[in-house]
Amino acid sequence: MKFISAKFFLLILLLGFPNFLISETQRLERDPRDYRHTFMNLSYLSGADKSGLALKASINLPSSFYIVAERLADGFNYKTESYDKIIDSARIGIQMGIGEVIGTISADRISFEVENWFDVFFEIGIKNSDIEGKKFTFSKDNSLANALGGIRFGNSNSFEGRLYLDVSKETTIVETGEPTCQAIDTCPPYQIELLDESDTKIGLGFLYNINKRSAVTFDLTSSNKIDNTFRIGYQINL
């Protein structure tokens, strides 16, 4: 129910802001679809009972390709323990206008070219997760496949938006209900396992270009396995 409600909320936001996103058409003297792919972004994350920081960097490649890498430090409280969760991810992506992807549509004797109303993008790569506790350590350094895809819309002179799906596995902590002790000073009140569970997140992000070199970013992410998160960040375009 939480996942459905969050998705409905994200859809309302997307439908409610189209006019807001295409304002100030030529304020920065850019082509409206001149989206940045070389940047550094520092953001703060807030969830139901945790917060964190993320550093994201992207580099533009020839043609429509780019590379993006991110480190997310997520601190959260589980029972009486405090844990630090570090997630490193790296992906290669491609972004193109919808008209470039579809091209010309023909039916009988009628044909027309599809305009670039928005861009579509797809990213694929890997991510590693590592979790540690105060009294006892649960380290899991694993490599998991990560795929992300969606649409990018708006005006690069002012507001931009992204609607996307993020598909990967999540490393989580669960209580098994079977207390165990190996030593008195490292005795947890419960046994803990690290599980890799499939997760599909839906995200909606907005970016406002302050000037040609800087922007502020806002992201909402809904998950069916972990807490929904809100992210606010500052971006330097290179």
Foldseek 3Di string as FASTA:
>chain_A
DQLVVLVVVLVCVVVPCPVVQAPPFCQQPDHQPPDFFAKWKWKWKDFDFWIWIKIKGKADDPDFKIKIKMWIWIWGDDDPKIKIKIKIWIKMKGKDFPQVVPPWDDDDPDIDGDDRQWMKMKIKTWMFMFMQIDQGGDGDTDIKIKIKIFIKHGGPSFKIKTKMKIKIWDWDKDFPADFDDDDPSRGDRTDIDTDTGIKMKIKMKMWTDPHPFKIKMWMWIRIPPDTTMIMIIIMTGD
